[in-house]
N, C-alpha and C. Protein backbone atom coordinates (compact mmCIF):
# COMPACT_ATOMS: atom_id res chain seq x y z
N MET A 1 -8.41 -15.47 -9.64
CA MET A 1 -7.18 -15.02 -9.41
C MET A 1 -7.73 -13.32 -8.77
N LYS A 2 -8.58 -13.48 -9.62
CA LYS A 2 -9.22 -11.20 -8.98
C LYS A 2 -9.30 -11.88 -7.50
N LYS A 3 -9.61 -12.76 -7.00
CA LYS A 3 -9.92 -12.57 -5.57
C LYS A 3 -8.34 -13.03 -4.51
N LEU A 4 -7.94 -13.27 -5.21
CA LEU A 4 -6.41 -13.86 -4.75
C LEU A 4 -5.50 -12.14 -4.50
N LEU A 5 -5.75 -11.70 -5.56
CA LEU A 5 -5.36 -10.05 -5.79
C LEU A 5 -5.49 -9.28 -4.49
N THR A 6 -6.94 -9.31 -5.05
CA THR A 6 -7.71 -8.46 -3.98
C THR A 6 -7.59 -8.92 -2.17
N ILE A 7 -7.58 -9.88 -1.85
CA ILE A 7 -6.98 -10.22 -0.83
C ILE A 7 -6.08 -10.26 -0.43
N THR A 8 -4.64 -10.26 -1.41
CA THR A 8 -3.21 -9.73 -1.09
C THR A 8 -3.30 -8.48 -0.83
N VAL A 9 -3.98 -7.60 -1.40
CA VAL A 9 -3.40 -6.01 -1.11
C VAL A 9 -4.88 -5.39 -0.23
N VAL A 10 -5.71 -5.85 0.48
CA VAL A 10 -6.30 -5.96 1.51
C VAL A 10 -5.52 -6.14 2.67
N ALA A 11 -4.70 -7.19 2.61
CA ALA A 11 -3.48 -7.99 4.00
C ALA A 11 -2.48 -6.46 3.90
N LEU A 12 -2.08 -6.40 2.79
CA LEU A 12 -0.89 -5.63 2.90
C LEU A 12 -1.13 -4.00 3.39
N LEU A 13 -2.17 -3.97 3.10
CA LEU A 13 -2.87 -2.42 3.77
C LEU A 13 -3.34 -2.98 5.27
N ALA A 14 -3.56 -3.55 5.36
CA ALA A 14 -4.13 -3.68 6.75
C ALA A 14 -2.66 -3.97 7.33
N SER A 15 -1.61 -4.70 7.00
CA SER A 15 -1.03 -4.73 7.59
C SER A 15 0.21 -3.87 8.02
N GLY A 16 -0.35 -2.32 7.38
CA GLY A 16 0.86 -1.14 7.57
C GLY A 16 0.65 -0.79 8.79
N CYS A 17 1.57 -1.55 10.09
CA CYS A 17 1.51 -0.82 11.54
C CYS A 17 2.58 0.33 11.47
N ALA A 18 2.26 0.93 12.59
CA ALA A 18 2.94 1.53 13.15
C ALA A 18 4.03 1.32 14.06
N HIS A 19 5.34 1.43 13.86
CA HIS A 19 6.31 1.30 14.25
C HIS A 19 7.68 2.66 14.39
N HIS A 20 9.08 1.93 14.82
CA HIS A 20 10.00 3.32 15.03
C HIS A 20 11.57 2.21 14.17
N ASN A 21 11.58 1.70 13.90
CA ASN A 21 13.07 0.92 13.15
C ASN A 21 14.13 1.74 12.93
N ASN A 22 13.55 2.86 11.85
CA ASN A 22 14.61 4.09 12.17
C ASN A 22 14.49 5.45 12.79
N VAL A 23 14.41 5.11 13.87
CA VAL A 23 14.84 6.13 14.75
C VAL A 23 15.94 6.05 15.63
N ARG A 24 16.64 6.76 15.94
CA ARG A 24 18.07 6.93 16.35
C ARG A 24 18.16 7.65 17.59
N PRO A 25 17.68 7.08 18.36
CA PRO A 25 16.99 8.05 20.29
C PRO A 25 18.96 8.95 20.34
N ALA A 26 18.74 9.98 21.03
CA ALA A 26 19.74 10.34 21.50
C ALA A 26 19.54 11.43 23.04
N GLN A 27 20.88 10.78 24.03
CA GLN A 27 20.50 11.37 25.08
C GLN A 27 19.71 12.80 25.44
N ASP A 28 20.84 13.70 24.80
CA ASP A 28 20.42 15.06 24.56
C ASP A 28 18.64 15.41 24.35
N GLY A 29 18.01 14.33 23.37
CA GLY A 29 16.48 14.37 23.69
C GLY A 29 16.01 15.10 21.98
N LYS A 30 17.53 14.99 21.41
CA LYS A 30 17.88 15.58 19.79
C LYS A 30 17.63 14.21 19.41
N HIS A 31 16.47 13.44 18.45
CA HIS A 31 16.67 12.24 18.12
C HIS A 31 16.45 11.88 16.43
N TYR A 32 16.65 11.62 15.89
CA TYR A 32 16.48 11.35 14.41
C TYR A 32 16.09 10.08 13.71
N VAL A 33 15.50 10.35 12.71
CA VAL A 33 15.04 9.56 11.77
C VAL A 33 15.42 9.59 10.31
N ASN A 34 16.42 8.67 10.00
CA ASN A 34 17.13 8.20 8.41
C ASN A 34 16.70 7.04 7.69
N LEU A 35 15.94 7.60 6.75
CA LEU A 35 14.89 6.47 5.55
C LEU A 35 15.23 6.98 4.53
N THR A 36 14.77 5.72 3.86
CA THR A 36 14.49 6.40 2.29
C THR A 36 13.03 5.72 1.78
N ALA A 37 12.55 6.32 1.00
CA ALA A 37 10.94 6.23 0.29
C ALA A 37 10.95 6.48 -1.13
N GLU A 38 9.87 6.03 -1.63
CA GLU A 38 9.67 6.07 -2.73
C GLU A 38 9.41 7.47 -3.51
N THR A 39 9.29 8.32 -3.04
CA THR A 39 8.90 10.03 -2.98
C THR A 39 8.71 10.77 -1.77
N ARG A 40 9.19 11.97 -2.30
CA ARG A 40 9.38 13.23 -0.89
C ARG A 40 8.35 12.66 0.20
N GLN A 41 7.16 12.91 -0.18
CA GLN A 41 5.91 12.57 0.14
C GLN A 41 5.68 11.29 1.59
N LYS A 42 6.06 10.71 0.50
CA LYS A 42 5.89 9.26 1.76
C LYS A 42 7.74 9.34 2.25
N ALA A 43 8.27 10.00 2.22
CA ALA A 43 9.42 9.72 3.20
C ALA A 43 8.88 10.48 4.22
N GLY A 44 8.30 11.95 4.17
CA GLY A 44 8.21 12.95 5.56
C GLY A 44 7.13 12.03 6.23
N GLU A 45 5.75 11.39 5.53
CA GLU A 45 4.88 11.04 6.07
C GLU A 45 5.74 9.90 6.79
N GLU A 46 6.21 8.78 6.36
CA GLU A 46 6.80 7.56 7.24
C GLU A 46 7.78 8.36 8.62
N ALA A 47 8.41 9.05 7.94
CA ALA A 47 9.55 10.13 9.45
C ALA A 47 8.71 10.07 10.29
N LEU A 48 7.65 11.00 9.74
CA LEU A 48 7.14 11.73 11.01
C LEU A 48 6.46 10.52 11.75
N ASP A 49 5.35 9.38 10.85
CA ASP A 49 4.63 8.65 11.74
C ASP A 49 5.50 8.14 12.76
N GLN A 50 6.73 7.39 11.76
CA GLN A 50 7.83 7.07 13.24
C GLN A 50 8.33 7.78 14.60
N ALA A 51 8.56 8.95 13.91
CA ALA A 51 8.82 9.67 15.74
C ALA A 51 7.67 10.15 16.22
N ASN A 52 6.84 10.35 15.71
CA ASN A 52 4.95 9.94 16.39
C ASN A 52 5.27 8.85 17.49
N TYR A 53 5.34 7.96 16.65
CA TYR A 53 5.44 6.48 17.06
C TYR A 53 6.37 6.42 18.34
N TYR A 54 7.67 6.94 18.25
CA TYR A 54 9.04 6.51 19.26
C TYR A 54 8.36 7.65 20.40
N CYS A 55 8.15 9.05 20.37
CA CYS A 55 7.69 9.41 21.25
C CYS A 55 6.72 9.20 22.23
N SER A 56 5.22 8.82 21.43
CA SER A 56 3.81 7.85 22.23
C SER A 56 4.34 6.87 23.14
N GLU A 57 5.28 6.24 22.53
CA GLU A 57 5.95 4.62 22.96
C GLU A 57 6.65 5.54 24.28
N ASN A 58 7.20 6.29 24.81
CA ASN A 58 7.77 6.81 25.19
C ASN A 58 7.21 7.94 26.64
N GLY A 59 5.92 7.88 26.48
CA GLY A 59 5.17 8.68 27.18
C GLY A 59 4.93 10.59 27.18
N ASP A 60 5.58 10.76 25.60
CA ASP A 60 5.32 11.70 25.21
C ASP A 60 4.35 12.05 24.41
N THR A 61 3.73 13.01 24.05
CA THR A 61 2.29 13.63 23.36
C THR A 61 3.00 13.39 21.98
N ARG A 62 3.83 13.98 21.20
CA ARG A 62 4.23 13.92 19.62
C ARG A 62 5.70 14.27 19.44
N ALA A 63 6.03 14.16 18.55
CA ALA A 63 7.39 14.43 17.84
C ALA A 63 7.23 15.65 17.20
N TYR A 64 8.27 17.02 17.76
CA TYR A 64 8.24 18.21 16.95
C TYR A 64 9.82 18.45 16.55
N ILE A 65 9.43 18.74 15.33
CA ILE A 65 10.51 18.88 14.22
C ILE A 65 11.42 19.74 14.69
N ILE A 66 12.66 19.26 14.59
CA ILE A 66 13.88 20.38 14.92
C ILE A 66 14.63 20.57 13.80
N ASN A 67 14.82 19.92 12.11
CA ASN A 67 15.53 20.00 11.08
C ASN A 67 14.76 18.65 10.29
N GLU A 68 14.41 19.00 8.67
CA GLU A 68 14.34 17.97 7.92
C GLU A 68 14.86 18.61 6.45
N THR A 69 15.69 17.45 6.29
CA THR A 69 16.17 17.56 4.98
C THR A 69 16.11 16.05 4.14
N ILE A 70 15.42 16.23 2.93
CA ILE A 70 14.90 15.18 1.68
C ILE A 70 15.67 15.27 0.83
N THR A 71 16.60 14.28 0.22
CA THR A 71 17.62 14.56 -0.85
C THR A 71 17.02 13.10 -1.66
N TYR A 72 17.31 13.50 -3.03
CA TYR A 72 17.19 12.32 -3.93
C TYR A 72 18.35 12.14 -4.43
N MET A 73 18.59 10.47 -4.41
CA MET A 73 19.46 9.64 -4.72
C MET A 73 19.73 8.85 -5.76
N GLY A 74 18.60 9.08 -6.74
CA GLY A 74 18.79 8.09 -7.52
C GLY A 74 19.21 8.03 -8.95
N SER A 75 19.72 6.90 -9.61
CA SER A 75 20.75 6.98 -10.39
C SER A 75 20.15 7.75 -12.49
N MET A 76 18.81 8.03 -11.77
CA MET A 76 18.35 8.68 -13.47
C MET A 76 17.80 10.15 -12.41
N PRO A 77 18.32 10.85 -13.58
CA PRO A 77 17.25 12.12 -13.44
C PRO A 77 16.20 12.16 -12.38
N GLU A 78 16.29 13.28 -11.59
CA GLU A 78 14.67 13.29 -11.30
C GLU A 78 13.38 13.47 -11.58
N GLN A 79 13.44 14.40 -12.49
CA GLN A 79 12.25 14.47 -13.62
C GLN A 79 12.11 13.43 -14.02
N GLU A 80 13.17 12.46 -14.55
CA GLU A 80 12.57 11.13 -15.64
C GLU A 80 12.35 10.39 -14.88
N TYR A 81 13.24 10.06 -13.40
CA TYR A 81 12.12 9.50 -12.31
C TYR A 81 11.01 9.54 -11.99
N LEU A 82 10.56 10.58 -12.21
CA LEU A 82 9.00 10.81 -11.57
C LEU A 82 8.20 10.71 -12.84
N LYS A 83 8.42 10.91 -14.10
CA LYS A 83 7.72 10.39 -14.96
C LYS A 83 7.30 8.92 -15.14
N ASN A 84 8.52 8.55 -14.72
CA ASN A 84 8.57 6.58 -14.82
C ASN A 84 7.65 6.12 -14.04
N ARG A 85 8.02 6.72 -12.71
CA ARG A 85 6.71 6.22 -11.88
C ARG A 85 5.78 7.11 -12.01
N ASN A 86 5.04 7.90 -12.12
CA ASN A 86 3.89 7.98 -12.85
C ASN A 86 3.05 7.28 -13.52
N LEU A 87 4.28 6.59 -14.82
CA LEU A 87 3.52 6.16 -15.97
C LEU A 87 3.20 4.68 -15.16
N ALA A 88 4.04 4.02 -14.56
CA ALA A 88 4.51 2.81 -13.76
C ALA A 88 2.94 2.70 -13.01
N GLU A 89 2.75 3.66 -12.32
CA GLU A 89 1.33 3.80 -11.65
C GLU A 89 0.06 3.86 -12.35
N ALA A 90 0.02 4.85 -13.23
CA ALA A 90 -1.04 4.67 -14.36
C ALA A 90 -1.43 3.29 -14.95
N VAL A 91 -0.20 2.57 -15.53
CA VAL A 91 -0.49 2.00 -15.49
C VAL A 91 -1.12 0.80 -14.34
N GLU A 92 -0.63 0.77 -13.82
CA GLU A 92 -1.14 -0.24 -12.30
C GLU A 92 -2.41 0.10 -12.14
N VAL A 93 -2.59 0.90 -11.90
CA VAL A 93 -4.29 1.56 -11.42
C VAL A 93 -5.13 0.94 -12.94
N ALA A 94 -4.60 1.48 -14.17
CA ALA A 94 -5.40 0.78 -15.13
C ALA A 94 -5.69 -0.38 -15.26
N GLY A 95 -4.90 -1.44 -14.91
CA GLY A 95 -4.80 -2.73 -14.95
C GLY A 95 -5.91 -2.95 -14.19
N ALA A 96 -5.68 -2.36 -12.27
CA ALA A 96 -6.20 -2.88 -11.55
C ALA A 96 -7.93 -2.98 -11.83
N GLY A 97 -8.26 -1.50 -12.50
CA GLY A 97 -9.66 -1.17 -12.70
C GLY A 97 -10.08 -2.44 -13.62
N MET A 98 -9.10 -2.56 -15.08
CA MET A 98 -9.58 -3.69 -15.91
C MET A 98 -9.80 -4.92 -15.19
N SER A 99 -8.88 -5.47 -14.42
CA SER A 99 -8.88 -6.63 -13.80
C SER A 99 -10.52 -7.02 -12.96
N ILE A 100 -10.44 -5.70 -12.16
CA ILE A 100 -11.62 -5.79 -11.57
C ILE A 100 -13.34 -5.73 -12.00
N LEU A 101 -13.36 -4.98 -13.14
CA LEU A 101 -14.15 -4.56 -13.83
C LEU A 101 -14.58 -5.27 -15.03
N GLY A 102 -13.07 -6.08 -15.88
CA GLY A 102 -13.39 -6.40 -17.04
C GLY A 102 -13.92 -7.48 -17.00
N GLY A 103 -14.42 -8.30 -17.92
CA GLY A 103 -14.39 -9.77 -18.46
C GLY A 103 -13.99 -10.49 -19.19
N GLY A 104 -14.13 -11.63 -19.34
CA GLY A 104 -13.46 -12.23 -20.29
C GLY A 104 -12.33 -12.07 -20.69
N HIS A 105 -11.60 -11.49 -21.49
CA HIS A 105 -9.38 -11.71 -22.09
C HIS A 105 -9.19 -10.12 -21.34
N VAL A 106 -10.28 -9.01 -21.13
CA VAL A 106 -10.02 -8.24 -20.73
C VAL A 106 -9.45 -7.93 -19.18
N ASP A 107 -10.48 -8.96 -18.32
CA ASP A 107 -9.56 -9.04 -17.42
C ASP A 107 -8.37 -9.50 -16.69
N ASP A 108 -7.59 -10.78 -17.57
CA ASP A 108 -6.74 -11.23 -17.85
C ASP A 108 -5.13 -10.13 -18.01
N VAL A 109 -5.74 -9.24 -19.33
CA VAL A 109 -4.92 -8.39 -19.38
C VAL A 109 -4.90 -7.54 -18.64
N GLY A 110 -5.93 -6.98 -17.69
CA GLY A 110 -5.66 -6.37 -16.36
C GLY A 110 -5.11 -6.30 -15.89
N THR A 111 -4.89 -7.37 -15.29
CA THR A 111 -4.36 -8.67 -14.40
C THR A 111 -3.02 -8.13 -14.40
N ALA A 112 -2.32 -8.29 -15.90
CA ALA A 112 -0.80 -8.62 -16.21
C ALA A 112 -0.35 -7.39 -15.97
N MET A 113 -1.42 -5.72 -16.27
CA MET A 113 -1.23 -4.71 -16.47
C MET A 113 -0.54 -4.32 -14.91
N TRP A 114 -1.96 -4.87 -13.95
CA TRP A 114 -1.67 -4.38 -12.72
C TRP A 114 -0.25 -4.96 -11.84
N ILE A 115 0.15 -6.01 -11.97
CA ILE A 115 0.89 -6.50 -12.00
C ILE A 115 2.25 -6.02 -12.36
N GLY A 116 2.08 -5.67 -13.46
CA GLY A 116 3.65 -5.18 -14.65
C GLY A 116 3.81 -3.45 -13.51
N GLY A 117 2.64 -3.07 -13.41
CA GLY A 117 2.81 -1.58 -13.34
C GLY A 117 3.49 -1.93 -11.66
N GLY A 118 3.20 -2.58 -11.42
CA GLY A 118 3.31 -3.01 -9.64
C GLY A 118 5.30 -3.27 -9.42
N ILE A 119 5.51 -4.26 -10.39
CA ILE A 119 7.06 -4.43 -10.64
C ILE A 119 7.60 -3.29 -11.15
N ALA A 120 7.06 -2.53 -11.72
CA ALA A 120 8.15 -1.36 -12.82
C ALA A 120 8.23 -0.43 -11.58
N GLU A 121 6.92 0.13 -10.77
CA GLU A 121 7.22 0.69 -9.79
C GLU A 121 8.26 0.35 -8.80
N ASP A 122 7.97 -0.79 -8.19
CA ASP A 122 9.02 -1.60 -7.36
C ASP A 122 10.53 -1.64 -7.82
N SER A 123 10.58 -1.36 -9.27
CA SER A 123 12.40 -1.44 -9.65
C SER A 123 12.98 -0.41 -9.94
N MET A 124 12.25 0.82 -9.28
CA MET A 124 13.10 1.79 -9.18
C MET A 124 13.20 2.54 -8.06
N GLY A 125 13.05 1.53 -6.89
CA GLY A 125 14.07 1.65 -5.82
C GLY A 125 13.12 2.38 -5.10
N GLU A 126 13.92 3.39 -3.79
CA GLU A 126 13.81 4.56 -3.13
C GLU A 126 14.39 5.36 -2.92
N PRO A 127 14.62 6.17 -3.80
CA PRO A 127 15.34 7.10 -3.76
C PRO A 127 15.65 8.25 -3.40
N TYR A 128 14.30 8.51 -2.62
CA TYR A 128 14.45 9.88 -1.58
C TYR A 128 15.02 9.00 -0.37
N GLN A 129 15.68 10.13 0.32
CA GLN A 129 16.38 10.06 1.63
C GLN A 129 16.22 11.07 2.68
N ILE A 130 15.48 10.69 3.44
CA ILE A 130 15.41 11.94 4.94
C ILE A 130 16.17 11.53 5.86
N ASN A 131 16.28 12.63 6.43
CA ASN A 131 17.05 12.72 8.06
C ASN A 131 16.21 13.65 8.45
N LEU A 132 15.10 13.22 9.14
CA LEU A 132 14.98 14.28 10.34
C LEU A 132 15.16 14.35 11.89
N SER A 133 14.85 15.23 12.15
CA SER A 133 15.61 15.55 13.63
C SER A 133 14.23 16.04 14.21
N PHE A 134 14.39 15.25 15.29
CA PHE A 134 13.22 15.55 16.32
C PHE A 134 13.43 15.91 17.75
N SER A 135 12.41 16.13 18.41
CA SER A 135 12.11 16.14 19.90
C SER A 135 11.03 15.80 20.70
N CYS A 136 10.83 15.17 21.73
CA CYS A 136 9.73 14.62 21.88
C CYS A 136 9.16 15.55 22.91
N LYS A 137 7.93 16.22 23.04
CA LYS A 137 7.09 16.54 23.94
C LYS A 137 6.16 16.25 24.80
């Protein structure tokens, strides 16, 4: 079970390739990316990655940000969302450690925590919406 989880995690990390599915090009050169993510940081990173990838695919060096707006769109108050997300992430990390390093019943409990923490995180969705305007140069 541990080997399967480890292989799955490595495969998921390796499959994170660059793309620009959320880029909306415009004739005037002012393009934009609109997407959702789990955190403000992930939203910004993903939008900029997509903008840079789009620019490089079209022969330009990189994307230059014109405007960026990140909005929290969740159903619960943002502070509660952040607290719950941090708790789920802590359970997931603790479970992964117990699963990998534990022995006997400890690794079974760790695996359950690892999976449960991940499910809890995923169930909270992607409440941050970013709209990033950019041009390529």
